[in-house]
Amino acid sequence: MRILTYYVACSVDGFIAHSDGSHDGFSQDSEYFSDLFTSFPETVPSHLREVMGIHTENKWFDTVLMGRKTYEIGLKDGVTSPYSHMKQYLFSHSIQQSPDESVELVSENAIEFVRDLKSGSGKGIWQSAGRR
């Protein structure tokens, strides 16, 4: 069985964004990022991997689950397939059609869908953000 991991940046008190929705309050320390990207290279969005010199294979995950708010962070900058190096699923009731053919929209039966993903084969499944 594949493991589902909820892996996000968060503050000590458990928040992943400021009350206004911005997410600029996290460390910008280069040593922190170097360690993070060495340990979890697949968590770097595809459009940044080349720029950052990340050419390694995915270590932990081959699938990413994104909620609408997380997905829209990149979408506002024109990034429709943020993790093209993984299988991507977008969970939303308000988005009617996926903005990219490589991002599969899941709008119903989310629990059953994830249960089926976990029972399949492959590396781990990364839940990048969502409701706690």
N, C-alpha and C. Protein backbone atom coordinates (compact mmCIF):
# COMPACT_ATOMS: atom_id res chain seq x y z
N MET A 1 0.84 -1.19 0.00
CA MET A 1 0.00 0.00 0.00
C MET A 1 0.88 1.24 0.00
N ARG A 2 0.51 2.20 -0.83
CA ARG A 2 1.24 3.46 -0.91
C ARG A 2 0.91 4.33 0.31
N ILE A 3 1.87 5.14 0.70
CA ILE A 3 1.69 6.01 1.86
C ILE A 3 1.30 7.41 1.39
N LEU A 4 0.30 7.98 2.04
CA LEU A 4 -0.14 9.35 1.81
C LEU A 4 0.51 10.22 2.87
N THR A 5 1.25 11.24 2.43
CA THR A 5 1.97 12.13 3.34
C THR A 5 1.48 13.55 3.17
N TYR A 6 1.05 14.15 4.26
CA TYR A 6 0.69 15.57 4.27
C TYR A 6 1.96 16.32 4.58
N TYR A 7 2.53 16.95 3.56
CA TYR A 7 3.84 17.60 3.69
C TYR A 7 3.73 19.02 3.18
N VAL A 8 3.74 19.99 4.09
CA VAL A 8 3.62 21.41 3.73
C VAL A 8 4.53 22.23 4.64
N ALA A 9 4.85 23.41 4.16
CA ALA A 9 5.54 24.38 5.01
C ALA A 9 4.50 24.97 5.94
N CYS A 10 4.83 25.10 7.19
CA CYS A 10 3.89 25.72 8.13
C CYS A 10 4.66 26.39 9.26
N SER A 11 4.00 27.33 9.88
CA SER A 11 4.58 28.01 11.02
C SER A 11 4.51 27.11 12.25
N VAL A 12 5.19 27.50 13.30
CA VAL A 12 5.21 26.70 14.52
C VAL A 12 3.80 26.46 15.06
N ASP A 13 2.90 27.43 14.86
CA ASP A 13 1.53 27.27 15.34
C ASP A 13 0.61 26.60 14.32
N GLY A 14 1.17 26.04 13.24
CA GLY A 14 0.41 25.21 12.32
C GLY A 14 -0.25 25.90 11.15
N PHE A 15 0.07 27.16 10.88
CA PHE A 15 -0.54 27.86 9.76
C PHE A 15 0.32 27.71 8.51
N ILE A 16 -0.34 27.58 7.35
CA ILE A 16 0.38 27.49 6.08
C ILE A 16 0.30 28.78 5.29
N ALA A 17 -0.42 29.77 5.80
CA ALA A 17 -0.52 31.08 5.17
C ALA A 17 -0.92 32.11 6.22
N HIS A 18 -0.69 33.38 5.89
CA HIS A 18 -1.15 34.46 6.76
C HIS A 18 -2.68 34.58 6.64
N SER A 19 -3.29 35.32 7.52
CA SER A 19 -4.76 35.47 7.50
C SER A 19 -5.25 36.10 6.20
N ASP A 20 -4.38 36.85 5.51
CA ASP A 20 -4.77 37.45 4.23
C ASP A 20 -4.51 36.51 3.05
N GLY A 21 -4.04 35.28 3.33
CA GLY A 21 -3.78 34.30 2.28
C GLY A 21 -2.37 34.31 1.74
N SER A 22 -1.57 35.32 2.10
CA SER A 22 -0.19 35.37 1.61
C SER A 22 0.65 34.31 2.33
N HIS A 23 1.73 33.94 1.69
CA HIS A 23 2.58 32.88 2.25
C HIS A 23 4.06 33.27 2.21
N ASP A 24 4.33 34.54 2.45
CA ASP A 24 5.69 35.05 2.37
C ASP A 24 6.41 35.12 3.71
N GLY A 25 5.86 34.52 4.72
CA GLY A 25 6.45 34.62 6.05
C GLY A 25 7.39 33.49 6.40
N PHE A 26 7.70 32.63 5.46
CA PHE A 26 8.55 31.48 5.75
C PHE A 26 10.02 31.80 5.45
N SER A 27 10.88 30.97 5.98
CA SER A 27 12.31 31.17 5.85
C SER A 27 12.72 31.31 4.38
N GLN A 28 13.62 32.22 4.13
CA GLN A 28 14.21 32.39 2.80
C GLN A 28 15.70 32.03 2.85
N ASP A 29 16.10 31.32 3.89
CA ASP A 29 17.49 30.95 4.12
C ASP A 29 17.95 29.93 3.07
N SER A 30 19.06 30.22 2.40
CA SER A 30 19.54 29.35 1.33
C SER A 30 19.95 27.96 1.85
N GLU A 31 20.47 27.89 3.06
CA GLU A 31 20.85 26.60 3.63
C GLU A 31 19.61 25.73 3.87
N TYR A 32 18.55 26.36 4.35
CA TYR A 32 17.28 25.66 4.56
C TYR A 32 16.77 25.09 3.24
N PHE A 33 16.74 25.93 2.19
CA PHE A 33 16.24 25.48 0.90
C PHE A 33 17.11 24.39 0.30
N SER A 34 18.41 24.52 0.45
CA SER A 34 19.34 23.51 -0.07
C SER A 34 19.04 22.15 0.55
N ASP A 35 18.88 22.12 1.86
CA ASP A 35 18.57 20.87 2.55
C ASP A 35 17.20 20.33 2.13
N LEU A 36 16.22 21.22 2.06
CA LEU A 36 14.87 20.83 1.67
C LEU A 36 14.85 20.21 0.27
N PHE A 37 15.51 20.85 -0.69
CA PHE A 37 15.47 20.39 -2.06
C PHE A 37 16.34 19.16 -2.29
N THR A 38 17.34 18.97 -1.45
CA THR A 38 18.13 17.74 -1.52
C THR A 38 17.33 16.57 -0.96
N SER A 39 16.62 16.82 0.12
CA SER A 39 15.83 15.77 0.77
C SER A 39 14.55 15.42 0.01
N PHE A 40 13.89 16.44 -0.53
CA PHE A 40 12.60 16.25 -1.20
C PHE A 40 12.60 16.98 -2.55
N PRO A 41 13.41 16.51 -3.52
CA PRO A 41 13.52 17.24 -4.79
C PRO A 41 12.21 17.33 -5.57
N GLU A 42 11.36 16.36 -5.41
CA GLU A 42 10.10 16.36 -6.16
C GLU A 42 9.13 17.45 -5.72
N THR A 43 9.38 18.07 -4.57
CA THR A 43 8.47 19.12 -4.11
C THR A 43 8.77 20.48 -4.74
N VAL A 44 9.80 20.54 -5.55
CA VAL A 44 10.12 21.77 -6.29
C VAL A 44 9.28 21.76 -7.57
N PRO A 45 8.51 22.81 -7.81
CA PRO A 45 7.70 22.86 -9.03
C PRO A 45 8.55 22.68 -10.29
N SER A 46 7.99 22.04 -11.28
CA SER A 46 8.72 21.69 -12.50
C SER A 46 9.37 22.89 -13.16
N HIS A 47 8.68 24.01 -13.22
CA HIS A 47 9.23 25.18 -13.91
C HIS A 47 10.42 25.81 -13.18
N LEU A 48 10.67 25.39 -11.94
CA LEU A 48 11.80 25.90 -11.18
C LEU A 48 12.96 24.91 -11.08
N ARG A 49 12.71 23.66 -11.39
CA ARG A 49 13.73 22.62 -11.24
C ARG A 49 14.98 22.91 -12.08
N GLU A 50 14.78 23.24 -13.35
CA GLU A 50 15.92 23.52 -14.24
C GLU A 50 16.69 24.74 -13.74
N VAL A 51 15.96 25.79 -13.41
CA VAL A 51 16.59 27.04 -12.94
C VAL A 51 17.41 26.78 -11.68
N MET A 52 16.94 25.90 -10.82
CA MET A 52 17.62 25.63 -9.56
C MET A 52 18.63 24.50 -9.66
N GLY A 53 18.77 23.92 -10.84
CA GLY A 53 19.74 22.85 -11.03
C GLY A 53 19.34 21.54 -10.38
N ILE A 54 18.05 21.29 -10.28
CA ILE A 54 17.57 20.04 -9.68
C ILE A 54 17.26 19.06 -10.80
N HIS A 55 18.09 18.02 -10.88
CA HIS A 55 17.98 17.03 -11.96
C HIS A 55 17.82 15.61 -11.43
N THR A 56 17.59 15.48 -10.14
CA THR A 56 17.49 14.15 -9.55
C THR A 56 16.09 13.56 -9.73
N GLU A 57 16.03 12.26 -9.60
CA GLU A 57 14.75 11.57 -9.66
C GLU A 57 13.96 11.86 -8.38
N ASN A 58 12.67 11.63 -8.46
CA ASN A 58 11.82 11.75 -7.27
C ASN A 58 12.25 10.70 -6.25
N LYS A 59 12.47 11.14 -5.03
CA LYS A 59 12.89 10.22 -3.98
C LYS A 59 11.71 9.57 -3.26
N TRP A 60 10.70 10.36 -2.94
CA TRP A 60 9.63 9.89 -2.08
C TRP A 60 8.27 9.75 -2.77
N PHE A 61 7.95 10.68 -3.65
CA PHE A 61 6.61 10.78 -4.20
C PHE A 61 6.61 10.71 -5.73
N ASP A 62 5.56 10.09 -6.29
CA ASP A 62 5.35 10.15 -7.74
C ASP A 62 3.96 10.70 -8.06
N THR A 63 3.24 11.10 -7.01
CA THR A 63 1.88 11.62 -7.16
C THR A 63 1.70 12.78 -6.21
N VAL A 64 1.01 13.83 -6.68
CA VAL A 64 0.73 14.98 -5.82
C VAL A 64 -0.76 15.28 -5.84
N LEU A 65 -1.30 15.57 -4.66
CA LEU A 65 -2.70 15.97 -4.50
C LEU A 65 -2.71 17.44 -4.10
N MET A 66 -3.45 18.25 -4.86
CA MET A 66 -3.51 19.69 -4.59
C MET A 66 -4.95 20.11 -4.42
N GLY A 67 -5.19 21.01 -3.49
CA GLY A 67 -6.48 21.66 -3.37
C GLY A 67 -6.51 22.89 -4.27
N ARG A 68 -7.68 23.44 -4.45
CA ARG A 68 -7.86 24.60 -5.34
C ARG A 68 -6.97 25.78 -4.95
N LYS A 69 -6.95 26.14 -3.67
CA LYS A 69 -6.18 27.32 -3.26
C LYS A 69 -4.69 27.13 -3.51
N THR A 70 -4.17 25.96 -3.25
CA THR A 70 -2.76 25.68 -3.52
C THR A 70 -2.49 25.76 -5.01
N TYR A 71 -3.34 25.15 -5.80
CA TYR A 71 -3.17 25.14 -7.25
C TYR A 71 -3.22 26.56 -7.82
N GLU A 72 -4.11 27.38 -7.31
CA GLU A 72 -4.28 28.73 -7.85
C GLU A 72 -3.09 29.65 -7.58
N ILE A 73 -2.22 29.30 -6.65
CA ILE A 73 -1.01 30.10 -6.41
C ILE A 73 -0.18 30.15 -7.68
N GLY A 74 0.04 29.01 -8.30
CA GLY A 74 0.79 28.97 -9.56
C GLY A 74 -0.04 29.41 -10.75
N LEU A 75 -1.31 29.07 -10.73
CA LEU A 75 -2.19 29.38 -11.86
C LEU A 75 -2.24 30.89 -12.14
N LYS A 76 -2.22 31.69 -11.09
CA LYS A 76 -2.26 33.15 -11.28
C LYS A 76 -1.03 33.65 -12.03
N ASP A 77 0.06 32.85 -12.03
CA ASP A 77 1.27 33.20 -12.77
C ASP A 77 1.39 32.42 -14.08
N GLY A 78 0.30 31.73 -14.47
CA GLY A 78 0.29 31.00 -15.73
C GLY A 78 0.82 29.59 -15.65
N VAL A 79 1.08 29.09 -14.46
CA VAL A 79 1.59 27.73 -14.29
C VAL A 79 0.40 26.79 -14.16
N THR A 80 0.11 26.04 -15.21
CA THR A 80 -1.06 25.15 -15.21
C THR A 80 -0.70 23.72 -14.83
N SER A 81 0.57 23.36 -14.93
CA SER A 81 1.03 22.01 -14.58
C SER A 81 2.25 22.15 -13.68
N PRO A 82 2.02 22.43 -12.39
CA PRO A 82 3.14 22.76 -11.50
C PRO A 82 4.10 21.61 -11.21
N TYR A 83 3.63 20.39 -11.29
CA TYR A 83 4.48 19.24 -10.96
C TYR A 83 4.41 18.21 -12.08
N SER A 84 4.82 18.61 -13.27
CA SER A 84 4.72 17.72 -14.43
C SER A 84 5.59 16.48 -14.29
N HIS A 85 6.50 16.46 -13.34
CA HIS A 85 7.35 15.31 -13.08
C HIS A 85 6.65 14.28 -12.17
N MET A 86 5.37 14.53 -11.86
CA MET A 86 4.56 13.60 -11.07
C MET A 86 3.16 13.53 -11.67
N LYS A 87 2.40 12.55 -11.24
CA LYS A 87 0.98 12.50 -11.57
C LYS A 87 0.30 13.52 -10.67
N GLN A 88 -0.52 14.41 -11.27
CA GLN A 88 -1.11 15.53 -10.53
C GLN A 88 -2.63 15.41 -10.46
N TYR A 89 -3.16 15.61 -9.25
CA TYR A 89 -4.61 15.61 -9.05
C TYR A 89 -5.00 16.91 -8.36
N LEU A 90 -6.02 17.54 -8.88
CA LEU A 90 -6.55 18.78 -8.34
C LEU A 90 -7.93 18.49 -7.76
N PHE A 91 -8.10 18.77 -6.47
CA PHE A 91 -9.36 18.53 -5.78
C PHE A 91 -10.11 19.85 -5.64
N SER A 92 -11.29 19.92 -6.25
CA SER A 92 -12.07 21.15 -6.20
C SER A 92 -13.52 20.88 -6.56
N HIS A 93 -14.41 21.57 -5.85
CA HIS A 93 -15.83 21.55 -6.21
C HIS A 93 -16.18 22.75 -7.08
N SER A 94 -15.37 23.81 -7.01
CA SER A 94 -15.71 25.04 -7.73
C SER A 94 -15.09 25.12 -9.13
N ILE A 95 -13.99 24.46 -9.37
CA ILE A 95 -13.40 24.44 -10.71
C ILE A 95 -14.14 23.39 -11.53
N GLN A 96 -14.64 23.77 -12.67
CA GLN A 96 -15.46 22.88 -13.49
C GLN A 96 -14.64 22.02 -14.45
N GLN A 97 -13.47 22.52 -14.87
CA GLN A 97 -12.63 21.80 -15.81
C GLN A 97 -11.17 22.10 -15.50
N SER A 98 -10.34 21.08 -15.58
CA SER A 98 -8.92 21.28 -15.30
C SER A 98 -8.32 22.22 -16.34
N PRO A 99 -7.52 23.19 -15.89
CA PRO A 99 -6.86 24.10 -16.82
C PRO A 99 -5.75 23.45 -17.64
N ASP A 100 -5.38 22.22 -17.32
CA ASP A 100 -4.29 21.54 -18.01
C ASP A 100 -4.62 20.06 -18.14
N GLU A 101 -4.37 19.48 -19.30
CA GLU A 101 -4.70 18.07 -19.51
C GLU A 101 -3.89 17.11 -18.65
N SER A 102 -2.74 17.56 -18.13
CA SER A 102 -1.93 16.68 -17.29
C SER A 102 -2.30 16.78 -15.80
N VAL A 103 -3.28 17.60 -15.48
CA VAL A 103 -3.76 17.74 -14.10
C VAL A 103 -5.20 17.22 -14.07
N GLU A 104 -5.38 16.10 -13.39
CA GLU A 104 -6.70 15.48 -13.34
C GLU A 104 -7.55 16.12 -12.23
N LEU A 105 -8.73 16.57 -12.60
CA LEU A 105 -9.65 17.20 -11.66
C LEU A 105 -10.46 16.12 -10.94
N VAL A 106 -10.50 16.23 -9.62
CA VAL A 106 -11.32 15.34 -8.79
C VAL A 106 -12.32 16.22 -8.06
N SER A 107 -13.60 16.05 -8.38
CA SER A 107 -14.61 16.90 -7.76
C SER A 107 -15.64 16.12 -6.95
N GLU A 108 -15.58 14.80 -7.02
CA GLU A 108 -16.52 13.97 -6.26
C GLU A 108 -15.80 12.76 -5.68
N ASN A 109 -16.35 12.22 -4.61
CA ASN A 109 -15.85 10.98 -4.01
C ASN A 109 -14.35 11.01 -3.71
N ALA A 110 -13.89 12.10 -3.10
CA ALA A 110 -12.46 12.28 -2.85
C ALA A 110 -11.89 11.18 -1.96
N ILE A 111 -12.59 10.80 -0.93
CA ILE A 111 -12.08 9.78 -0.01
C ILE A 111 -11.90 8.45 -0.73
N GLU A 112 -12.88 8.07 -1.48
CA GLU A 112 -12.81 6.82 -2.26
C GLU A 112 -11.69 6.90 -3.29
N PHE A 113 -11.55 8.04 -3.94
CA PHE A 113 -10.51 8.23 -4.94
C PHE A 113 -9.12 8.04 -4.32
N VAL A 114 -8.88 8.69 -3.18
CA VAL A 114 -7.58 8.59 -2.52
C VAL A 114 -7.35 7.17 -2.00
N ARG A 115 -8.38 6.55 -1.50
CA ARG A 115 -8.26 5.16 -1.05
C ARG A 115 -7.80 4.26 -2.20
N ASP A 116 -8.36 4.46 -3.38
CA ASP A 116 -7.96 3.68 -4.55
C ASP A 116 -6.52 3.97 -4.96
N LEU A 117 -6.12 5.26 -4.90
CA LEU A 117 -4.73 5.62 -5.20
C LEU A 117 -3.76 4.91 -4.26
N LYS A 118 -4.10 4.91 -2.98
CA LYS A 118 -3.23 4.29 -1.98
C LYS A 118 -3.09 2.79 -2.21
N SER A 119 -4.11 2.15 -2.72
CA SER A 119 -4.06 0.70 -2.92
C SER A 119 -3.30 0.32 -4.19
N GLY A 120 -2.96 1.30 -5.02
CA GLY A 120 -2.22 1.04 -6.25
C GLY A 120 -0.73 0.90 -5.99
N SER A 121 0.01 0.81 -7.08
CA SER A 121 1.46 0.67 -6.95
C SER A 121 2.13 2.01 -7.25
N GLY A 122 3.35 2.15 -6.79
CA GLY A 122 4.11 3.37 -7.04
C GLY A 122 4.75 3.89 -5.77
N LYS A 123 5.37 5.04 -5.91
CA LYS A 123 5.97 5.71 -4.76
C LYS A 123 4.87 6.35 -3.92
N GLY A 124 5.27 7.12 -2.95
CA GLY A 124 4.32 7.77 -2.06
C GLY A 124 3.47 8.82 -2.75
N ILE A 125 2.44 9.24 -2.04
CA ILE A 125 1.50 10.26 -2.51
C ILE A 125 1.67 11.47 -1.61
N TRP A 126 1.91 12.61 -2.22
CA TRP A 126 2.13 13.86 -1.49
C TRP A 126 0.87 14.69 -1.51
N GLN A 127 0.32 14.94 -0.34
CA GLN A 127 -0.78 15.89 -0.22
C GLN A 127 -0.13 17.22 0.10
N SER A 128 -0.14 18.12 -0.90
CA SER A 128 0.64 19.36 -0.77
C SER A 128 -0.01 20.38 0.12
N ALA A 129 -1.27 20.38 0.26
CA ALA A 129 -1.98 21.27 1.19
C ALA A 129 -3.46 20.93 1.13
N GLY A 130 -4.17 21.48 2.01
CA GLY A 130 -5.61 21.22 2.07
C GLY A 130 -6.13 21.48 3.46
N ARG A 131 -7.35 21.14 3.65
CA ARG A 131 -7.98 21.36 4.96
C ARG A 131 -7.38 20.42 5.98
N ARG A 132 -7.21 20.92 7.17
CA ARG A 132 -6.66 20.09 8.25
C ARG A 132 -7.77 19.43 9.00
